[in-house]
Amino acid sequence: MWSASNSKKMENIFALIDKTEINSVVIDVKGSQGELIYEYWSGIGDLIKKLHEKNIYAIARVVVFQDSGYAMSNPEVALKNRSGGLWRDRRGFAWLDPAAKGSHDHIIDIAKKSIDLGFDEIQYDYIRFPTDGALSSIVYPAWDGQKSRNEVLREFFEYSKNKLKEYDPSVKTSIDIFGYTFLRSDDLGIGQVLGDALDNFDYISPMVYPSHYGPGNFGFDNPAEHPYEVIFETMKEGLEAMGEERAKIAKPKIRPWIQVFNMGARYDSAKIKAQIKAIHDSEMTGWLMWDPNNAYTDVPGAVDAEEGMAP
């Protein structure tokens, strides 16, 4: 949000767009504290117009169930502690119950406002059950534990898809999911199942950051040092597991997040380019890149419009 509202930062982003084949930007609309960009910055609509003038596709990122602000103001849909009060994860964020209709409608309302602002796509992140903190002490106000976690999420996927497509049939929707969903057949204990996402979103963005894979994955002591192999093998295993016919449907929808930050290894232009090549060789529809500082200083050397490296 800060980057989008900072004119100097956006000048750098626009310069990057002009130098490379980048054709989209992702802007945080809702953060983990429940903060909403349109409530504190009146210029978001003008920025989207400027992006569209440059033929740039605008994606609204919406943090879904991690939401301290809404949890505090609407505790009836928030996770509680057995000992009382709001439950919080390791970083101190409160969460909404993924089974609570009130939390569903809150998110859809934000998505509709984003559509009204002119965003081309709604991208859901943190659309899962919590992964860390004192999980055994959570009290869910709506989820009774009878339905599986992935069934709870699938119901929200379907509800959101129907509501947003009814509101604007042209809007695209997407979901950020863990890269491990391509390597596992279960829901990772958080409700995320690749097949459920494929059935309900236009695009799937697995976070296949090589630094997030543990030692031993694909036979590497430090997977971060091997970005091409990690991403290519992740895509390969996931597609093979779903079968040939299903994979044909999936490929046009899969648009992975790639690593543009130093963790586990120095992520220079060569490592960025290796990730892009892995996605290209896997015949995916494209990619998104993330640097938490929004600096992207090594990107021009990795993403050159004249090279045509990426699909």
C-alpha atoms as a PDB file:
ATOM      1  CA  MET A   1       0.000   0.000   0.000  1.00  0.00           C
ATOM      2  CA  TRP A   2       2.795   2.395   0.905  1.00  0.00           C
ATOM      3  CA  SER A   3       4.545   1.771  -2.404  1.00  0.00           C
ATOM      4  CA  ALA A   4       1.369   2.377  -4.408  1.00  0.00           C
ATOM      5  CA  SER A   5       0.792   5.711  -2.664  1.00  0.00           C
ATOM      6  CA  ASN A   6       4.435   6.815  -2.918  1.00  0.00           C
ATOM      7  CA  SER A   7       5.030   8.768  -6.133  1.00  0.00           C
ATOM      8  CA  LYS A   8       8.794   8.150  -6.229  1.00  0.00           C
ATOM      9  CA  LYS A   9       8.368   4.427  -5.719  1.00  0.00           C
ATOM     10  CA  MET A  10       5.773   4.301  -8.475  1.00  0.00           C
ATOM     11  CA  GLU A  11       8.065   6.230 -10.813  1.00  0.00           C
ATOM     12  CA  ASN A  12      10.554   3.392 -10.384  1.00  0.00           C
ATOM     13  CA  ILE A  13       7.867   0.801 -11.039  1.00  0.00           C
ATOM     14  CA  PHE A  14       6.689   2.583 -14.187  1.00  0.00           C
ATOM     15  CA  ALA A  15      10.287   2.837 -15.387  1.00  0.00           C
ATOM     16  CA  LEU A  16      10.635  -0.914 -14.852  1.00  0.00           C
ATOM     17  CA  ILE A  17       7.435  -1.504 -16.813  1.00  0.00           C
ATOM     18  CA  ASP A  18       8.754   0.603 -19.692  1.00  0.00           C
ATOM     19  CA  LYS A  19      12.062  -1.311 -19.786  1.00  0.00           C
ATOM     20  CA  THR A  20      10.682  -4.830 -19.605  1.00  0.00           C
ATOM     21  CA  GLU A  21       7.845  -7.099 -20.654  1.00  0.00           C
ATOM     22  CA  ILE A  22       6.080  -6.730 -17.279  1.00  0.00           C
ATOM     23  CA  ASN A  23       2.404  -6.174 -17.987  1.00  0.00           C
ATOM     24  CA  SER A  24       0.743  -6.313 -14.557  1.00  0.00           C
ATOM     25  CA  VAL A  25       1.011  -4.982 -11.025  1.00  0.00           C
ATOM     26  CA  VAL A  26      -0.338  -6.349  -7.761  1.00  0.00           C
ATOM     27  CA  ILE A  27      -1.499  -3.767  -5.224  1.00  0.00           C
ATOM     28  CA  ASP A  28      -2.443  -4.542  -1.643  1.00  0.00           C
ATOM     29  CA  VAL A  29      -6.033  -3.466  -1.066  1.00  0.00           C
ATOM     30  CA  LYS A  30      -6.483  -5.182   2.296  1.00  0.00           C
ATOM     31  CA  GLY A  31      -3.685  -6.036   4.709  1.00  0.00           C
ATOM     32  CA  SER A  32      -3.327  -8.332   7.713  1.00  0.00           C
ATOM     33  CA  GLN A  33      -4.341  -5.593  10.161  1.00  0.00           C
ATOM     34  CA  GLY A  34      -7.559  -5.100   8.219  1.00  0.00           C
ATOM     35  CA  GLU A  35      -6.235  -1.861   6.706  1.00  0.00           C
ATOM     36  CA  LEU A  36      -7.882  -0.852   3.420  1.00  0.00           C
ATOM     37  CA  ILE A  37      -6.050   1.249   0.870  1.00  0.00           C
ATOM     38  CA  TYR A  38      -9.155   3.113  -0.271  1.00  0.00           C
ATOM     39  CA  GLU A  39      -9.894   4.247   3.278  1.00  0.00           C
ATOM     40  CA  TYR A  40      -6.627   6.100   3.761  1.00  0.00           C
ATOM     41  CA  TRP A  41      -5.515   7.051   0.233  1.00  0.00           C
ATOM     42  CA  SER A  42      -7.838   8.808  -2.191  1.00  0.00           C
ATOM     43  CA  GLY A  43      -5.462   8.415  -5.135  1.00  0.00           C
ATOM     44  CA  ILE A  44      -5.897   4.688  -5.737  1.00  0.00           C
ATOM     45  CA  GLY A  45      -8.528   5.203  -8.444  1.00  0.00           C
ATOM     46  CA  ASP A  46      -6.285   7.633 -10.336  1.00  0.00           C
ATOM     47  CA  LEU A  47      -3.371   5.204 -10.107  1.00  0.00           C
ATOM     48  CA  ILE A  48      -5.452   2.429 -11.644  1.00  0.00           C
ATOM     49  CA  LYS A  49      -6.463   4.758 -14.491  1.00  0.00           C
ATOM     50  CA  LYS A  50      -2.808   5.546 -15.120  1.00  0.00           C
ATOM     51  CA  LEU A  51      -1.962   1.847 -15.146  1.00  0.00           C
ATOM     52  CA  HIS A  52      -4.740   1.188 -17.645  1.00  0.00           C
ATOM     53  CA  GLU A  53      -3.503   4.015 -19.865  1.00  0.00           C
ATOM     54  CA  LYS A  54      -0.244   2.064 -20.098  1.00  0.00           C
ATOM     55  CA  ASN A  55      -2.167  -1.165 -20.779  1.00  0.00           C
ATOM     56  CA  ILE A  56      -1.166  -2.528 -17.387  1.00  0.00           C
ATOM     57  CA  TYR A  57      -3.413  -5.131 -15.782  1.00  0.00           C
ATOM     58  CA  ALA A  58      -4.243  -4.202 -12.169  1.00  0.00           C
ATOM     59  CA  ILE A  59      -4.579  -6.935  -9.538  1.00  0.00           C
ATOM     60  CA  ALA A  60      -6.092  -6.250  -6.102  1.00  0.00           C
ATOM     61  CA  ARG A  61      -4.491  -8.395  -3.393  1.00  0.00           C
ATOM     62  CA  VAL A  62      -6.860  -9.075  -0.512  1.00  0.00           C
ATOM     63  CA  VAL A  63      -5.605 -10.748   2.674  1.00  0.00           C
ATOM     64  CA  VAL A  64      -8.559 -12.915   3.632  1.00  0.00           C
ATOM     65  CA  PHE A  65      -8.752 -14.628   7.037  1.00  0.00           C
ATOM     66  CA  GLN A  66      -5.772 -13.002   8.747  1.00  0.00           C
ATOM     67  CA  ASP A  67      -7.432  -9.764   9.864  1.00  0.00           C
ATOM     68  CA  SER A  68      -6.701  -8.190  13.244  1.00  0.00           C
ATOM     69  CA  GLY A  69      -8.834  -5.102  12.660  1.00  0.00           C
ATOM     70  CA  TYR A  70     -12.060  -6.840  11.719  1.00  0.00           C
ATOM     71  CA  ALA A  71     -11.512  -9.479  14.408  1.00  0.00           C
ATOM     72  CA  MET A  72     -11.346  -6.779  17.065  1.00  0.00           C
ATOM     73  CA  SER A  73     -14.456  -4.962  15.836  1.00  0.00           C
ATOM     74  CA  ASN A  74     -16.412  -8.147  15.056  1.00  0.00           C
ATOM     75  CA  PRO A  75     -15.346 -10.743  17.637  1.00  0.00           C
ATOM     76  CA  GLU A  76     -18.356 -12.916  16.839  1.00  0.00           C
ATOM     77  CA  VAL A  77     -16.546 -14.138  13.681  1.00  0.00           C
ATOM     78  CA  ALA A  78     -13.016 -14.159  15.128  1.00  0.00           C
ATOM     79  CA  LEU A  79     -10.948 -17.036  16.492  1.00  0.00           C
ATOM     80  CA  LYS A  80     -10.796 -17.086  20.301  1.00  0.00           C
ATOM     81  CA  ASN A  81      -8.411 -18.485  22.889  1.00  0.00           C
ATOM     82  CA  ARG A  82      -9.633 -21.214  25.231  1.00  0.00           C
ATOM     83  CA  SER A  83      -8.389 -18.981  28.024  1.00  0.00           C
ATOM     84  CA  GLY A  84     -10.370 -16.023  26.669  1.00  0.00           C
ATOM     85  CA  GLY A  85      -9.781 -13.142  24.291  1.00  0.00           C
ATOM     86  CA  LEU A  86      -8.778 -13.177  20.654  1.00  0.00           C
ATOM     87  CA  TRP A  87      -6.431 -15.907  19.476  1.00  0.00           C
ATOM     88  CA  ARG A  88      -3.307 -14.604  17.726  1.00  0.00           C
ATOM     89  CA  ASP A  89      -0.626 -16.250  15.628  1.00  0.00           C
ATOM     90  CA  ARG A  90       3.122 -16.011  16.262  1.00  0.00           C
ATOM     91  CA  ARG A  91       3.351 -12.579  14.691  1.00  0.00           C
ATOM     92  CA  GLY A  92       0.454 -11.273  16.762  1.00  0.00           C
ATOM     93  CA  PHE A  93      -2.234 -11.239  14.076  1.00  0.00           C
ATOM     94  CA  ALA A  94      -5.813 -12.203  14.847  1.00  0.00           C
ATOM     95  CA  TRP A  95      -7.832 -14.389  12.470  1.00  0.00           C
ATOM     96  CA  LEU A  96     -11.382 -14.741  11.217  1.00  0.00           C
ATOM     97  CA  ASP A  97     -13.180 -18.072  11.272  1.00  0.00           C
ATOM     98  CA  PRO A  98     -13.031 -19.482   7.703  1.00  0.00           C
ATOM     99  CA  ALA A  99     -16.466 -21.038   8.263  1.00  0.00           C
ATOM    100  CA  ALA A 100     -18.205 -17.844   9.403  1.00  0.00           C
ATOM    101  CA  LYS A 101     -20.566 -16.317   6.844  1.00  0.00           C
ATOM    102  CA  GLY A 102     -19.919 -12.894   8.352  1.00  0.00           C
ATOM    103  CA  SER A 103     -16.239 -13.154   7.436  1.00  0.00           C
ATOM    104  CA  HIS A 104     -17.162 -14.311   3.922  1.00  0.00           C
ATOM    105  CA  ASP A 105     -19.428 -11.333   3.312  1.00  0.00           C
ATOM    106  CA  HIS A 106     -16.820  -8.931   4.693  1.00  0.00           C
ATOM    107  CA  ILE A 107     -14.254 -10.146   2.156  1.00  0.00           C
ATOM    108  CA  ILE A 108     -16.698 -10.107  -0.743  1.00  0.00           C
ATOM    109  CA  ASP A 109     -17.705  -6.542   0.118  1.00  0.00           C
ATOM    110  CA  ILE A 110     -14.029  -5.494  -0.115  1.00  0.00           C
ATOM    111  CA  ALA A 111     -13.664  -7.356  -3.403  1.00  0.00           C
ATOM    112  CA  LYS A 112     -16.686  -5.535  -4.825  1.00  0.00           C
ATOM    113  CA  LYS A 113     -15.263  -2.165  -3.781  1.00  0.00           C
ATOM    114  CA  SER A 114     -12.021  -3.132  -5.524  1.00  0.00           C
ATOM    115  CA  ILE A 115     -13.938  -3.923  -8.699  1.00  0.00           C
ATOM    116  CA  ASP A 116     -15.651  -0.530  -8.460  1.00  0.00           C
ATOM    117  CA  LEU A 117     -12.225   1.135  -8.253  1.00  0.00           C
ATOM    118  CA  GLY A 118     -11.315  -0.426 -11.588  1.00  0.00           C
ATOM    119  CA  PHE A 119      -9.182  -3.434 -10.641  1.00  0.00           C
ATOM    120  CA  ASP A 120      -9.133  -6.163 -13.282  1.00  0.00           C
ATOM    121  CA  GLU A 121      -8.597  -9.045 -10.886  1.00  0.00           C
ATOM    122  CA  ILE A 122      -9.230  -9.945  -7.247  1.00  0.00           C
ATOM    123  CA  GLN A 123      -6.399 -11.977  -5.717  1.00  0.00           C
ATOM    124  CA  TYR A 124      -7.036 -13.723  -2.400  1.00  0.00           C
ATOM    125  CA  ASP A 125      -4.118 -14.403  -0.053  1.00  0.00           C
ATOM    126  CA  TYR A 126      -4.106 -16.002   3.432  1.00  0.00           C
ATOM    127  CA  ILE A 127      -7.184 -17.891   2.349  1.00  0.00           C
ATOM    128  CA  ARG A 128      -6.580 -20.784   4.714  1.00  0.00           C
ATOM    129  CA  PHE A 129      -6.648 -21.916   8.321  1.00  0.00           C
ATOM    130  CA  PRO A 130      -3.789 -20.683  10.566  1.00  0.00           C
ATOM    131  CA  THR A 131      -0.427 -22.456  10.291  1.00  0.00           C
ATOM    132  CA  ASP A 132       1.448 -21.279  13.390  1.00  0.00           C
ATOM    133  CA  GLY A 133       0.956 -20.283  16.982  1.00  0.00           C
ATOM    134  CA  ALA A 134      -0.881 -22.211  19.707  1.00  0.00           C
ATOM    135  CA  LEU A 135      -3.218 -23.981  17.282  1.00  0.00           C
ATOM    136  CA  SER A 136      -4.608 -26.368  19.906  1.00  0.00           C
ATOM    137  CA  SER A 137      -5.953 -23.455  21.953  1.00  0.00           C
ATOM    138  CA  ILE A 138      -8.152 -22.074  19.142  1.00  0.00           C
ATOM    139  CA  VAL A 139     -11.911 -21.867  19.658  1.00  0.00           C
ATOM    140  CA  TYR A 140     -13.831 -21.504  16.378  1.00  0.00           C
ATOM    141  CA  PRO A 141     -17.132 -19.623  16.678  1.00  0.00           C
ATOM    142  CA  ALA A 142     -18.587 -21.136  13.475  1.00  0.00           C
ATOM    143  CA  TRP A 143     -16.568 -24.190  12.454  1.00  0.00           C
ATOM    144  CA  ASP A 144     -17.668 -27.224  14.445  1.00  0.00           C
ATOM    145  CA  GLY A 145     -14.894 -29.493  13.222  1.00  0.00           C
ATOM    146  CA  GLN A 146     -17.325 -31.844  11.464  1.00  0.00           C
ATOM    147  CA  LYS A 147     -16.580 -30.602   7.980  1.00  0.00           C
ATOM    148  CA  SER A 148     -13.025 -31.018   6.759  1.00  0.00           C
ATOM    149  CA  ARG A 149     -10.935 -27.867   6.468  1.00  0.00           C
ATOM    150  CA  ASN A 150     -10.771 -28.128   2.701  1.00  0.00           C
ATOM    151  CA  GLU A 151     -14.568 -28.487   2.520  1.00  0.00           C
ATOM    152  CA  VAL A 152     -14.920 -25.299   4.556  1.00  0.00           C
ATOM    153  CA  LEU A 153     -12.630 -23.439   2.173  1.00  0.00           C
ATOM    154  CA  ARG A 154     -14.248 -24.953  -0.908  1.00  0.00           C
ATOM    155  CA  GLU A 155     -17.616 -23.629   0.209  1.00  0.00           C
ATOM    156  CA  PHE A 156     -16.131 -20.144   0.513  1.00  0.00           C
ATOM    157  CA  PHE A 157     -14.428 -20.496  -2.881  1.00  0.00           C
ATOM    158  CA  GLU A 158     -17.754 -21.339  -4.496  1.00  0.00           C
ATOM    159  CA  TYR A 159     -19.672 -18.655  -2.613  1.00  0.00           C
ATOM    160  CA  SER A 160     -17.153 -15.971  -3.533  1.00  0.00           C
ATOM    161  CA  LYS A 161     -16.990 -17.048  -7.185  1.00  0.00           C
ATOM    162  CA  ASN A 162     -20.754 -16.900  -7.564  1.00  0.00           C
ATOM    163  CA  LYS A 163     -21.090 -13.536  -5.814  1.00  0.00           C
ATOM    164  CA  LEU A 164     -18.262 -11.806  -7.710  1.00  0.00           C
ATOM    165  CA  LYS A 165     -19.137 -13.183 -11.143  1.00  0.00           C
ATOM    166  CA  GLU A 166     -22.723 -12.116 -10.556  1.00  0.00           C
ATOM    167  CA  TYR A 167     -21.519  -8.631  -9.570  1.00  0.00           C
ATOM    168  CA  ASP A 168     -19.188  -8.309 -12.574  1.00  0.00           C
ATOM    169  CA  PRO A 169     -18.965 -11.229 -15.024  1.00  0.00           C
ATOM    170  CA  SER A 170     -15.765  -9.804 -16.534  1.00  0.00           C
ATOM    171  CA  VAL A 171     -13.711  -9.723 -13.329  1.00  0.00           C
ATOM    172  CA  LYS A 172     -10.986 -12.312 -12.915  1.00  0.00           C
ATOM    173  CA  THR A 173     -10.257 -14.001  -9.599  1.00  0.00           C
ATOM    174  CA  SER A 174      -7.118 -15.691  -8.300  1.00  0.00           C
ATOM    175  CA  ILE A 175      -5.722 -17.367  -5.204  1.00  0.00           C
ATOM    176  CA  ASP A 176      -2.273 -17.491  -3.615  1.00  0.00           C
ATOM    177  CA  ILE A 177      -1.499 -20.975  -2.302  1.00  0.00           C
ATOM    178  CA  PHE A 178       1.509 -22.760  -0.853  1.00  0.00           C
ATOM    179  CA  GLY A 179       3.862 -24.377  -3.361  1.00  0.00           C
ATOM    180  CA  TYR A 180       3.570 -27.629  -1.431  1.00  0.00           C
ATOM    181  CA  THR A 181      -0.028 -28.024  -2.679  1.00  0.00           C
ATOM    182  CA  PHE A 182       1.598 -29.252  -5.903  1.00  0.00           C
ATOM    183  CA  LEU A 183       3.519 -31.933  -4.020  1.00  0.00           C
ATOM    184  CA  ARG A 184       0.923 -33.196  -1.548  1.00  0.00           C
ATOM    185  CA  SER A 185      -2.486 -34.826  -1.933  1.00  0.00           C
ATOM    186  CA  ASP A 186      -3.800 -33.694   1.455  1.00  0.00           C
ATOM    187  CA  ASP A 187      -4.839 -30.173   2.488  1.00  0.00           C
ATOM    188  CA  LEU A 188      -1.571 -29.467   4.375  1.00  0.00           C
ATOM    189  CA  GLY A 189      -3.682 -29.178   7.523  1.00  0.00           C
ATOM    190  CA  ILE A 190      -4.839 -25.713   6.446  1.00  0.00           C
ATOM    191  CA  GLY A 191      -7.603 -26.518   3.946  1.00  0.00           C
ATOM    192  CA  GLN A 192      -5.722 -25.760   0.711  1.00  0.00           C
ATOM    193  CA  VAL A 193      -6.284 -28.372  -2.003  1.00  0.00           C
ATOM    194  CA  LEU A 194      -5.074 -27.629  -5.520  1.00  0.00           C
ATOM    195  CA  GLY A 195      -8.089 -29.173  -7.240  1.00  0.00           C
ATOM    196  CA  ASP A 196     -10.554 -27.082  -5.251  1.00  0.00           C
ATOM    197  CA  ALA A 197      -8.698 -23.916  -6.221  1.00  0.00           C
ATOM    198  CA  LEU A 198      -8.564 -24.874  -9.896  1.00  0.00           C
ATOM    199  CA  ASP A 199     -12.316 -25.374  -9.967  1.00  0.00           C
ATOM    200  CA  ASN A 200     -13.148 -21.981  -8.512  1.00  0.00           C
ATOM    201  CA  PHE A 201     -10.544 -19.409  -9.618  1.00  0.00           C
ATOM    202  CA  ASP A 202      -9.372 -18.073 -12.961  1.00  0.00           C
ATOM    203  CA  TYR A 203      -5.723 -18.144 -11.868  1.00  0.00           C
ATOM    204  CA  ILE A 204      -3.726 -20.092  -9.306  1.00  0.00           C
ATOM    205  CA  SER A 205      -0.524 -18.563  -7.916  1.00  0.00           C
ATOM    206  CA  PRO A 206       1.546 -21.095  -5.965  1.00  0.00           C
ATOM    207  CA  MET A 207       4.259 -19.446  -3.878  1.00  0.00           C
ATOM    208  CA  VAL A 208       7.155 -21.540  -5.164  1.00  0.00           C
ATOM    209  CA  TYR A 209       9.919 -19.517  -3.515  1.00  0.00           C
ATOM    210  CA  PRO A 210      12.910 -21.900  -3.511  1.00  0.00           C
ATOM    211  CA  SER A 211      14.065 -20.576  -0.124  1.00  0.00           C
ATOM    212  CA  HIS A 212      10.851 -21.891   1.436  1.00  0.00           C
ATOM    213  CA  TYR A 213      11.677 -25.529   0.638  1.00  0.00           C
ATOM    214  CA  GLY A 214      13.428 -27.477   3.364  1.00  0.00           C
ATOM    215  CA  PRO A 215      16.726 -29.384   3.095  1.00  0.00           C
ATOM    216  CA  GLY A 216      16.322 -32.602   1.161  1.00  0.00           C
ATOM    217  CA  ASN A 217      13.634 -31.413  -1.218  1.00  0.00           C
ATOM    218  CA  PHE A 218      14.475 -32.691  -4.708  1.00  0.00           C
ATOM    219  CA  GLY A 219      17.758 -33.986  -3.261  1.00  0.00           C
ATOM    220  CA  PHE A 220      19.235 -30.565  -2.467  1.00  0.00           C
ATOM    221  CA  ASP A 221      20.756 -29.585   0.875  1.00  0.00           C
ATOM    222  CA  ASN A 222      19.857 -25.959   0.100  1.00  0.00           C
ATOM    223  CA  PRO A 223      17.020 -25.778  -2.452  1.00  0.00           C
ATOM    224  CA  ALA A 224      17.385 -21.976  -2.624  1.00  0.00           C
ATOM    225  CA  GLU A 225      20.601 -22.484  -4.567  1.00  0.00           C
ATOM    226  CA  HIS A 226      18.720 -24.394  -7.280  1.00  0.00           C
ATOM    227  CA  PRO A 227      15.762 -22.226  -8.373  1.00  0.00           C
ATOM    228  CA  TYR A 228      15.263 -23.769 -11.817  1.00  0.00           C
ATOM    229  CA  GLU A 229      15.140 -27.342 -10.555  1.00  0.00           C
ATOM    230  CA  VAL A 230      12.904 -26.562  -7.575  1.00  0.00           C
ATOM    231  CA  ILE A 231      10.276 -24.747  -9.611  1.00  0.00           C
ATOM    232  CA  PHE A 232      10.382 -27.038 -12.634  1.00  0.00           C
ATOM    233  CA  GLU A 233      10.091 -30.181 -10.499  1.00  0.00           C
ATOM    234  CA  THR A 234       7.293 -28.676  -8.398  1.00  0.00           C
ATOM    235  CA  MET A 235       5.274 -27.905 -11.518  1.00  0.00           C
ATOM    236  CA  LYS A 236       6.077 -31.295 -13.057  1.00  0.00           C
ATOM    237  CA  GLU A 237       5.029 -33.307  -9.999  1.00  0.00           C
ATOM    238  CA  GLY A 238       1.831 -31.332  -9.548  1.00  0.00           C
ATOM    239  CA  LEU A 239       0.765 -31.683 -13.174  1.00  0.00           C
ATOM    240  CA  GLU A 240       1.598 -35.390 -13.307  1.00  0.00           C
ATOM    241  CA  ALA A 241      -0.413 -36.032 -10.140  1.00  0.00           C
ATOM    242  CA  MET A 242      -3.549 -34.452 -11.598  1.00  0.00           C
ATOM    243  CA  GLY A 243      -3.423 -36.476 -14.826  1.00  0.00           C
ATOM    244  CA  GLU A 244      -3.034 -35.464 -18.465  1.00  0.00           C
ATOM    245  CA  GLU A 245      -6.562 -34.185 -19.126  1.00  0.00           C
ATOM    246  CA  ARG A 246      -6.750 -32.209 -15.895  1.00  0.00           C
ATOM    247  CA  ALA A 247      -3.270 -30.777 -16.521  1.00  0.00           C
ATOM    248  CA  LYS A 248      -4.411 -29.378 -19.874  1.00  0.00           C
ATOM    249  CA  ILE A 249      -7.118 -27.426 -18.057  1.00  0.00           C
ATOM    250  CA  ALA A 250      -4.732 -26.372 -15.295  1.00  0.00           C
ATOM    251  CA  LYS A 251      -1.790 -25.022 -17.302  1.00  0.00           C
ATOM    252  CA  PRO A 252      -3.547 -21.857 -18.573  1.00  0.00           C
ATOM    253  CA  LYS A 253      -4.537 -21.064 -14.979  1.00  0.00           C
ATOM    254  CA  ILE A 254      -1.201 -21.509 -13.192  1.00  0.00           C
ATOM    255  CA  ARG A 255       0.782 -18.319 -12.633  1.00  0.00           C
ATOM    256  CA  PRO A 256       3.394 -18.878  -9.903  1.00  0.00           C
ATOM    257  CA  TRP A 257       4.964 -16.352  -7.559  1.00  0.00           C
ATOM    258  CA  ILE A 258       8.757 -16.272  -7.887  1.00  0.00           C
ATOM    259  CA  GLN A 259      11.410 -15.112  -5.440  1.00  0.00           C
ATOM    260  CA  VAL A 260      13.058 -11.697  -5.885  1.00  0.00           C
ATOM    261  CA  PHE A 261      14.542 -11.410  -2.397  1.00  0.00           C
ATOM    262  CA  ASN A 262      17.650 -12.749  -0.732  1.00  0.00           C
ATOM    263  CA  MET A 263      16.886 -15.731   1.453  1.00  0.00           C
ATOM    264  CA  GLY A 264      18.891 -18.905   1.408  1.00  0.00           C
ATOM    265  CA  ALA A 265      20.939 -17.508  -1.459  1.00  0.00           C
ATOM    266  CA  ARG A 266      21.677 -14.265  -3.287  1.00  0.00           C
ATOM    267  CA  TYR A 267      18.819 -13.780  -5.723  1.00  0.00           C
ATOM    268  CA  ASP A 268      20.472 -11.874  -8.531  1.00  0.00           C
ATOM    269  CA  SER A 269      19.244 -11.580 -12.120  1.00  0.00           C
ATOM    270  CA  ALA A 270      20.580 -15.039 -12.990  1.00  0.00           C
ATOM    271  CA  LYS A 271      18.485 -16.738 -10.311  1.00  0.00           C
ATOM    272  CA  ILE A 272      15.425 -14.682 -11.215  1.00  0.00           C
ATOM    273  CA  LYS A 273      15.870 -15.637 -14.870  1.00  0.00           C
ATOM    274  CA  ALA A 274      16.270 -19.308 -13.893  1.00  0.00           C
ATOM    275  CA  GLN A 275      12.880 -19.238 -12.173  1.00  0.00           C
ATOM    276  CA  ILE A 276      11.227 -17.628 -15.185  1.00  0.00           C
ATOM    277  CA  LYS A 277      12.779 -20.234 -17.484  1.00  0.00           C
ATOM    278  CA  ALA A 278      11.466 -23.043 -15.268  1.00  0.00           C
ATOM    279  CA  ILE A 279       7.941 -21.647 -15.552  1.00  0.00           C
ATOM    280  CA  HIS A 280       8.323 -21.154 -19.309  1.00  0.00           C
ATOM    281  CA  ASP A 281       9.617 -24.706 -19.732  1.00  0.00           C
ATOM    282  CA  SER A 282       6.686 -25.987 -17.665  1.00  0.00           C
ATOM    283  CA  GLU A 283       4.278 -24.253 -20.082  1.00  0.00           C
ATOM    284  CA  MET A 284       2.585 -22.211 -17.369  1.00  0.00           C
ATOM    285  CA  THR A 285       0.612 -19.095 -18.259  1.00  0.00           C
ATOM    286  CA  GLY A 286       3.003 -16.559 -16.687  1.00  0.00           C
ATOM    287  CA  TRP A 287       4.473 -15.481 -13.357  1.00  0.00           C
ATOM    288  CA  LEU A 288       4.380 -12.916 -10.584  1.00  0.00           C
ATOM    289  CA  MET A 289       7.484 -11.697  -8.778  1.00  0.00           C
ATOM    290  CA  TRP A 290       7.754 -10.528  -5.194  1.00  0.00           C
ATOM    291  CA  ASP A 291      10.299  -8.392  -3.437  1.00  0.00           C
ATOM    292  CA  PRO A 292       9.005  -7.319   0.009  1.00  0.00           C
ATOM    293  CA  ASN A 293      10.830  -4.005  -0.432  1.00  0.00           C
ATOM    294  CA  ASN A 294       9.369  -3.425  -3.894  1.00  0.00           C
ATOM    295  CA  ALA A 295      12.870  -2.543  -5.116  1.00  0.00           C
ATOM    296  CA  TYR A 296      13.319  -5.040  -7.984  1.00  0.00           C
ATOM    297  CA  THR A 297      16.825  -3.765  -8.700  1.00  0.00           C
ATOM    298  CA  ASP A 298      17.971  -6.988 -10.417  1.00  0.00           C
ATOM    299  CA  VAL A 299      14.820  -7.456 -12.479  1.00  0.00           C
ATOM    300  CA  PRO A 300      15.827  -5.541 -15.638  1.00  0.00           C
ATOM    301  CA  GLY A 301      18.718  -7.935 -16.135  1.00  0.00           C
ATOM    302  CA  ALA A 302      16.390 -10.916 -15.803  1.00  0.00           C
ATOM    303  CA  VAL A 303      13.291  -9.693 -17.615  1.00  0.00           C
ATOM    304  CA  ASP A 304      14.194  -8.124 -20.926  1.00  0.00           C
ATOM    305  CA  ALA A 305      11.355  -7.476 -23.351  1.00  0.00           C
ATOM    306  CA  GLU A 306      13.693  -8.046 -26.280  1.00  0.00           C
ATOM    307  CA  GLU A 307      14.672 -11.519 -25.079  1.00  0.00           C
ATOM    308  CA  GLY A 308      11.132 -12.861 -24.861  1.00  0.00           C
ATOM    309  CA  MET A 309      12.168 -15.195 -22.056  1.00  0.00           C
ATOM    310  CA  ALA A 310       8.726 -15.616 -20.469  1.00  0.00           C
ATOM    311  CA  PRO A 311       5.383 -16.595 -22.029  1.00  0.00           C
END
